Structures are given as structure tokens and as C-alpha cells.
Amino acid sequence: MFQPLVLSMFLYFPEDKSEYIPAAITFVIFLIGALITMRFIIKVSKREAKKAKELEEQLKNQQSTPRNS
């Protein structure tokens, strides 16, 4: 009983469809920002994975070479 009352307060469908324009613009801005952020995170992640791989190879090479002690 309480749920439809609460949901009806937030549902609003305007008669004038031009009121959707600011929401659409805001949505597009945030979508572009999210895509740019995702691409940036993927790029940084690949760079860090490459560094980790190089460090791993370097440590393997150090362990495989016998020490003259």
C-alpha cells in the first residue's frame, strides 16, 4: 500500500515534451564522461599490467642466473 504512494511521488511525465531536453543533455554529458573514464581506467590498467609483466620477467631472470657468492 505504501509503495505505490511513494513511487507515484517520483513519477512525472510532462505534457510538454521539451522538458525532456535538459535531461537528455545531462544524460549525454554523463554518458560521455563515463565512457572517457572507463577508457582511461582500461588504458592505465594495461600500462600497469605491462609494468608488472616486465618486473616479473626481470625477477625470473634474476632467479635463474646463478650467483657467484
PDB file of N, CA and C in Angstrom:
ATOM      1  N   MET A   1       0.818  -1.197   0.000  1.00  0.00           N
ATOM      2  CA  MET A   1       0.000   0.000   0.000  1.00  0.00           C
ATOM      3  C   MET A   1       0.863   1.263   0.000  1.00  0.00           C
ATOM      4  N   PHE A   2       1.895   1.262   0.794  1.00  0.00           N
ATOM      5  CA  PHE A   2       2.749   2.439   0.907  1.00  0.00           C
ATOM      6  C   PHE A   2       3.636   2.614  -0.330  1.00  0.00           C
ATOM      7  N   GLN A   3       4.061   1.519  -0.938  1.00  0.00           N
ATOM      8  CA  GLN A   3       4.966   1.575  -2.083  1.00  0.00           C
ATOM      9  C   GLN A   3       4.386   2.333  -3.278  1.00  0.00           C
ATOM     10  N   PRO A   4       3.153   2.090  -3.729  1.00  0.00           N
ATOM     11  CA  PRO A   4       2.635   2.874  -4.862  1.00  0.00           C
ATOM     12  C   PRO A   4       2.558   4.366  -4.565  1.00  0.00           C
ATOM     13  N   LEU A   5       2.273   4.711  -3.337  1.00  0.00           N
ATOM     14  CA  LEU A   5       2.199   6.119  -2.953  1.00  0.00           C
ATOM     15  C   LEU A   5       3.577   6.770  -3.088  1.00  0.00           C
ATOM     16  N   VAL A   6       4.601   6.091  -2.601  1.00  0.00           N
ATOM     17  CA  VAL A   6       5.959   6.633  -2.671  1.00  0.00           C
ATOM     18  C   VAL A   6       6.419   6.731  -4.124  1.00  0.00           C
ATOM     19  N   LEU A   7       6.177   5.683  -4.906  1.00  0.00           N
ATOM     20  CA  LEU A   7       6.614   5.696  -6.299  1.00  0.00           C
ATOM     21  C   LEU A   7       5.879   6.738  -7.126  1.00  0.00           C
ATOM     22  N   SER A   8       4.642   6.983  -6.803  1.00  0.00           N
ATOM     23  CA  SER A   8       3.884   7.962  -7.581  1.00  0.00           C
ATOM     24  C   SER A   8       4.385   9.385  -7.359  1.00  0.00           C
ATOM     25  N   MET A   9       5.059   9.624  -6.245  1.00  0.00           N
ATOM     26  CA  MET A   9       5.605  10.955  -5.996  1.00  0.00           C
ATOM     27  C   MET A   9       6.776  11.252  -6.935  1.00  0.00           C
ATOM     28  N   PHE A  10       7.501  10.226  -7.350  1.00  0.00           N
ATOM     29  CA  PHE A  10       8.686  10.425  -8.176  1.00  0.00           C
ATOM     30  C   PHE A  10       8.409  10.268  -9.666  1.00  0.00           C
ATOM     31  N   LEU A  11       7.278   9.701 -10.030  1.00  0.00           N
ATOM     32  CA  LEU A  11       6.947   9.550 -11.438  1.00  0.00           C
ATOM     33  C   LEU A  11       6.289  10.825 -11.944  1.00  0.00           C
ATOM     34  N   TYR A  12       6.864  11.354 -13.006  1.00  0.00           N
ATOM     35  CA  TYR A  12       6.318  12.582 -13.572  1.00  0.00           C
ATOM     36  C   TYR A  12       6.550  12.546 -15.071  1.00  0.00           C
ATOM     37  N   PHE A  13       5.495  12.544 -15.830  1.00  0.00           N
ATOM     38  CA  PHE A  13       5.586  12.553 -17.284  1.00  0.00           C
ATOM     39  C   PHE A  13       4.982  13.872 -17.773  1.00  0.00           C
ATOM     40  N   PRO A  14       5.834  14.801 -18.194  1.00  0.00           N
ATOM     41  CA  PRO A  14       5.337  16.126 -18.568  1.00  0.00           C
ATOM     42  C   PRO A  14       4.527  16.094 -19.871  1.00  0.00           C
ATOM     43  N   GLU A  15       3.580  16.985 -19.930  1.00  0.00           N
ATOM     44  CA  GLU A  15       2.794  17.142 -21.159  1.00  0.00           C
ATOM     45  C   GLU A  15       3.653  17.749 -22.264  1.00  0.00           C
ATOM     46  N   ASP A  16       4.445  18.740 -21.880  1.00  0.00           N
ATOM     47  CA  ASP A  16       5.343  19.393 -22.842  1.00  0.00           C
ATOM     48  C   ASP A  16       6.626  18.571 -22.941  1.00  0.00           C
ATOM     49  N   LYS A  17       6.829  17.923 -24.058  1.00  0.00           N
ATOM     50  CA  LYS A  17       7.965  17.016 -24.226  1.00  0.00           C
ATOM     51  C   LYS A  17       9.302  17.753 -24.298  1.00  0.00           C
ATOM     52  N   SER A  18       9.290  19.069 -24.417  1.00  0.00           N
ATOM     53  CA  SER A  18      10.548  19.815 -24.446  1.00  0.00           C
ATOM     54  C   SER A  18      11.223  19.809 -23.074  1.00  0.00           C
ATOM     55  N   GLU A  19      10.513  19.399 -22.050  1.00  0.00           N
ATOM     56  CA  GLU A  19      11.131  19.294 -20.728  1.00  0.00           C
ATOM     57  C   GLU A  19      12.088  18.109 -20.647  1.00  0.00           C
ATOM     58  N   TYR A  20      12.041  17.224 -21.630  1.00  0.00           N
ATOM     59  CA  TYR A  20      12.968  16.103 -21.663  1.00  0.00           C
ATOM     60  C   TYR A  20      14.346  16.519 -22.177  1.00  0.00           C
ATOM     61  N   ILE A  21      14.443  17.648 -22.853  1.00  0.00           N
ATOM     62  CA  ILE A  21      15.699  18.074 -23.477  1.00  0.00           C
ATOM     63  C   ILE A  21      16.822  18.282 -22.448  1.00  0.00           C
ATOM     64  N   PRO A  22      16.611  19.014 -21.347  1.00  0.00           N
ATOM     65  CA  PRO A  22      17.705  19.163 -20.367  1.00  0.00           C
ATOM     66  C   PRO A  22      18.140  17.822 -19.775  1.00  0.00           C
ATOM     67  N   ALA A  23      17.175  16.928 -19.552  1.00  0.00           N
ATOM     68  CA  ALA A  23      17.535  15.617 -19.013  1.00  0.00           C
ATOM     69  C   ALA A  23      18.356  14.830 -20.029  1.00  0.00           C
ATOM     70  N   ALA A  24      18.004  14.916 -21.290  1.00  0.00           N
ATOM     71  CA  ALA A  24      18.745  14.209 -22.325  1.00  0.00           C
ATOM     72  C   ALA A  24      20.161  14.771 -22.458  1.00  0.00           C
ATOM     73  N   ILE A  25      20.299  16.082 -22.388  1.00  0.00           N
ATOM     74  CA  ILE A  25      21.622  16.708 -22.474  1.00  0.00           C
ATOM     75  C   ILE A  25      22.485  16.278 -21.292  1.00  0.00           C
ATOM     76  N   THR A  26      21.908  16.292 -20.103  1.00  0.00           N
ATOM     77  CA  THR A  26      22.637  15.863 -18.908  1.00  0.00           C
ATOM     78  C   THR A  26      23.042  14.396 -19.024  1.00  0.00           C
ATOM     79  N   PHE A  27      22.137  13.572 -19.518  1.00  0.00           N
ATOM     80  CA  PHE A  27      22.431  12.152 -19.693  1.00  0.00           C
ATOM     81  C   PHE A  27      23.596  11.951 -20.659  1.00  0.00           C
ATOM     82  N   VAL A  28      23.582  12.674 -21.768  1.00  0.00           N
ATOM     83  CA  VAL A  28      24.645  12.534 -22.765  1.00  0.00           C
ATOM     84  C   VAL A  28      25.985  12.985 -22.184  1.00  0.00           C
ATOM     85  N   ILE A  29      25.988  14.071 -21.439  1.00  0.00           N
ATOM     86  CA  ILE A  29      27.227  14.566 -20.829  1.00  0.00           C
ATOM     87  C   ILE A  29      27.799  13.515 -19.871  1.00  0.00           C
ATOM     88  N   PHE A  30      26.943  12.965 -19.008  1.00  0.00           N
ATOM     89  CA  PHE A  30      27.420  11.967 -18.062  1.00  0.00           C
ATOM     90  C   PHE A  30      27.819  10.669 -18.752  1.00  0.00           C
ATOM     91  N   LEU A  31      27.129  10.309 -19.821  1.00  0.00           N
ATOM     92  CA  LEU A  31      27.490   9.105 -20.576  1.00  0.00           C
ATOM     93  C   LEU A  31      28.869   9.268 -21.202  1.00  0.00           C
ATOM     94  N   ILE A  32      29.129  10.411 -21.804  1.00  0.00           N
ATOM     95  CA  ILE A  32      30.439  10.677 -22.400  1.00  0.00           C
ATOM     96  C   ILE A  32      31.522  10.674 -21.317  1.00  0.00           C
ATOM     97  N   GLY A  33      31.231  11.298 -20.191  1.00  0.00           N
ATOM     98  CA  GLY A  33      32.186  11.300 -19.078  1.00  0.00           C
ATOM     99  C   GLY A  33      32.478   9.901 -18.573  1.00  0.00           C
ATOM    100  N   ALA A  34      31.447   9.070 -18.483  1.00  0.00           N
ATOM    101  CA  ALA A  34      31.637   7.695 -18.024  1.00  0.00           C
ATOM    102  C   ALA A  34      32.461   6.893 -19.027  1.00  0.00           C
ATOM    103  N   LEU A  35      32.209   7.082 -20.313  1.00  0.00           N
ATOM    104  CA  LEU A  35      32.977   6.368 -21.336  1.00  0.00           C
ATOM    105  C   LEU A  35      34.446   6.788 -21.336  1.00  0.00           C
ATOM    106  N   ILE A  36      34.689   8.084 -21.205  1.00  0.00           N
ATOM    107  CA  ILE A  36      36.072   8.580 -21.154  1.00  0.00           C
ATOM    108  C   ILE A  36      36.784   8.027 -19.920  1.00  0.00           C
ATOM    109  N   THR A  37      36.097   8.018 -18.791  1.00  0.00           N
ATOM    110  CA  THR A  37      36.683   7.484 -17.564  1.00  0.00           C
ATOM    111  C   THR A  37      36.982   5.995 -17.702  1.00  0.00           C
ATOM    112  N   MET A  38      36.064   5.250 -18.289  1.00  0.00           N
ATOM    113  CA  MET A  38      36.271   3.821 -18.477  1.00  0.00           C
ATOM    114  C   MET A  38      37.479   3.569 -19.379  1.00  0.00           C
ATOM    115  N   ARG A  39      37.576   4.303 -20.478  1.00  0.00           N
ATOM    116  CA  ARG A  39      38.720   4.138 -21.389  1.00  0.00           C
ATOM    117  C   ARG A  39      40.041   4.476 -20.689  1.00  0.00           C
ATOM    118  N   PHE A  40      40.025   5.538 -19.865  1.00  0.00           N
ATOM    119  CA  PHE A  40      41.214   5.938 -19.120  1.00  0.00           C
ATOM    120  C   PHE A  40      41.630   4.835 -18.144  1.00  0.00           C
ATOM    121  N   ILE A  41      40.668   4.267 -17.423  1.00  0.00           N
ATOM    122  CA  ILE A  41      40.972   3.206 -16.460  1.00  0.00           C
ATOM    123  C   ILE A  41      41.523   1.978 -17.178  1.00  0.00           C
ATOM    124  N   ILE A  42      40.958   1.625 -18.319  1.00  0.00           N
ATOM    125  CA  ILE A  42      41.458   0.481 -19.081  1.00  0.00           C
ATOM    126  C   ILE A  42      42.883   0.731 -19.555  1.00  0.00           C
ATOM    127  N   LYS A  43      43.151   1.949 -20.029  1.00  0.00           N
ATOM    128  CA  LYS A  43      44.490   2.287 -20.516  1.00  0.00           C
ATOM    129  C   LYS A  43      45.519   2.210 -19.384  1.00  0.00           C
ATOM    130  N   VAL A  44      45.183   2.765 -18.224  1.00  0.00           N
ATOM    131  CA  VAL A  44      46.088   2.727 -17.078  1.00  0.00           C
ATOM    132  C   VAL A  44      46.281   1.285 -16.612  1.00  0.00           C
ATOM    133  N   SER A  45      45.221   0.507 -16.624  1.00  0.00           N
ATOM    134  CA  SER A  45      45.302  -0.892 -16.208  1.00  0.00           C
ATOM    135  C   SER A  45      46.229  -1.683 -17.125  1.00  0.00           C
ATOM    136  N   LYS A  46      46.131  -1.467 -18.425  1.00  0.00           N
ATOM    137  CA  LYS A  46      47.024  -2.160 -19.363  1.00  0.00           C
ATOM    138  C   LYS A  46      48.478  -1.750 -19.135  1.00  0.00           C
ATOM    139  N   ARG A  47      48.691  -0.462 -18.879  1.00  0.00           N
ATOM    140  CA  ARG A  47      50.049   0.030 -18.625  1.00  0.00           C
ATOM    141  C   ARG A  47      50.619  -0.620 -17.355  1.00  0.00           C
ATOM    142  N   GLU A  48      49.796  -0.703 -16.308  1.00  0.00           N
ATOM    143  CA  GLU A  48      50.244  -1.321 -15.065  1.00  0.00           C
ATOM    144  C   GLU A  48      50.488  -2.812 -15.252  1.00  0.00           C
ATOM    145  N   ALA A  49      49.672  -3.485 -16.048  1.00  0.00           N
ATOM    146  CA  ALA A  49      49.868  -4.911 -16.313  1.00  0.00           C
ATOM    147  C   ALA A  49      51.181  -5.127 -17.067  1.00  0.00           C
ATOM    148  N   LYS A  50      51.487  -4.237 -17.986  1.00  0.00           N
ATOM    149  CA  LYS A  50      52.745  -4.345 -18.735  1.00  0.00           C
ATOM    150  C   LYS A  50      53.939  -4.163 -17.797  1.00  0.00           C
ATOM    151  N   LYS A  51      53.848  -3.189 -16.885  1.00  0.00           N
ATOM    152  CA  LYS A  51      54.926  -2.971 -15.919  1.00  0.00           C
ATOM    153  C   LYS A  51      55.084  -4.196 -15.024  1.00  0.00           C
ATOM    154  N   ALA A  52      53.980  -4.773 -14.582  1.00  0.00           N
ATOM    155  CA  ALA A  52      54.036  -5.952 -13.721  1.00  0.00           C
ATOM    156  C   ALA A  52      54.650  -7.129 -14.458  1.00  0.00           C
ATOM    157  N   LYS A  53      54.309  -7.291 -15.727  1.00  0.00           N
ATOM    158  CA  LYS A  53      54.871  -8.375 -16.535  1.00  0.00           C
ATOM    159  C   LYS A  53      56.381  -8.191 -16.693  1.00  0.00           C
ATOM    160  N   GLU A  54      56.817  -6.966 -16.956  1.00  0.00           N
ATOM    161  CA  GLU A  54      58.247  -6.697 -17.094  1.00  0.00           C
ATOM    162  C   GLU A  54      58.982  -6.964 -15.781  1.00  0.00           C
ATOM    163  N   LEU A  55      58.396  -6.567 -14.664  1.00  0.00           N
ATOM    164  CA  LEU A  55      59.004  -6.808 -13.361  1.00  0.00           C
ATOM    165  C   LEU A  55      59.076  -8.304 -13.075  1.00  0.00           C
ATOM    166  N   GLU A  56      58.020  -9.029 -13.435  1.00  0.00           N
ATOM    167  CA  GLU A  56      58.009 -10.476 -13.248  1.00  0.00           C
ATOM    168  C   GLU A  56      59.118 -11.136 -14.069  1.00  0.00           C
ATOM    169  N   GLU A  57      59.273 -10.719 -15.318  1.00  0.00           N
ATOM    170  CA  GLU A  57      60.334 -11.265 -16.167  1.00  0.00           C
ATOM    171  C   GLU A  57      61.711 -10.937 -15.599  1.00  0.00           C
ATOM    172  N   GLN A  58      61.857  -9.725 -15.091  1.00  0.00           N
ATOM    173  CA  GLN A  58      63.134  -9.312 -14.513  1.00  0.00           C
ATOM    174  C   GLN A  58      63.461 -10.160 -13.280  1.00  0.00           C
ATOM    175  N   LEU A  59      62.460 -10.414 -12.439  1.00  0.00           N
ATOM    176  CA  LEU A  59      62.692 -11.236 -11.254  1.00  0.00           C
ATOM    177  C   LEU A  59      62.985 -12.688 -11.627  1.00  0.00           C
ATOM    178  N   LYS A  60      62.317 -13.197 -12.657  1.00  0.00           N
ATOM    179  CA  LYS A  60      62.600 -14.563 -13.114  1.00  0.00           C
ATOM    180  C   LYS A  60      64.027 -14.663 -13.638  1.00  0.00           C
ATOM    181  N   ASN A  61      64.478 -13.659 -14.366  1.00  0.00           N
ATOM    182  CA  ASN A  61      65.839 -13.657 -14.899  1.00  0.00           C
ATOM    183  C   ASN A  61      66.863 -13.590 -13.779  1.00  0.00           C
ATOM    184  N   GLN A  62      66.588 -12.827 -12.737  1.00  0.00           N
ATOM    185  CA  GLN A  62      67.499 -12.730 -11.607  1.00  0.00           C
ATOM    186  C   GLN A  62      67.576 -14.056 -10.855  1.00  0.00           C
ATOM    187  N   GLN A  63      66.469 -14.755 -10.738  1.00  0.00           N
ATOM    188  CA  GLN A  63      66.447 -16.021 -10.021  1.00  0.00           C
ATOM    189  C   GLN A  63      67.105 -17.125 -10.839  1.00  0.00           C
ATOM    190  N   SER A  64      67.001 -17.068 -12.159  1.00  0.00           N
ATOM    191  CA  SER A  64      67.547 -18.132 -12.992  1.00  0.00           C
ATOM    192  C   SER A  64      69.068 -18.013 -13.166  1.00  0.00           C
ATOM    193  N   THR A  65      69.610 -16.796 -13.028  1.00  0.00           N
ATOM    194  CA  THR A  65      71.058 -16.636 -13.154  1.00  0.00           C
ATOM    195  C   THR A  65      71.718 -17.019 -11.836  1.00  0.00           C
ATOM    196  N   PRO A  66      72.711 -17.915 -11.885  1.00  0.00           N
ATOM    197  CA  PRO A  66      73.387 -18.318 -10.647  1.00  0.00           C
ATOM    198  C   PRO A  66      74.245 -17.181 -10.115  1.00  0.00           C
ATOM    199  N   ARG A  67      74.253 -17.069  -8.804  1.00  0.00           N
ATOM    200  CA  ARG A  67      75.061 -16.026  -8.165  1.00  0.00           C
ATOM    201  C   ARG A  67      76.456 -16.566  -7.888  1.00  0.00           C
ATOM    202  N   ASN A  68      77.422 -15.701  -8.006  1.00  0.00           N
ATOM    203  CA  ASN A  68      78.814 -16.081  -7.704  1.00  0.00           C
ATOM    204  C   ASN A  68      79.173 -15.590  -6.309  1.00  0.00           C
ATOM    205  N   SER A  69      78.678 -16.295  -5.290  1.00  0.00           N
ATOM    206  CA  SER A  69      78.944 -15.884  -3.901  1.00  0.00           C
ATOM    207  C   SER A  69      79.858 -16.850  -3.222  1.00  0.00           C
TER     208      SER A  69
END
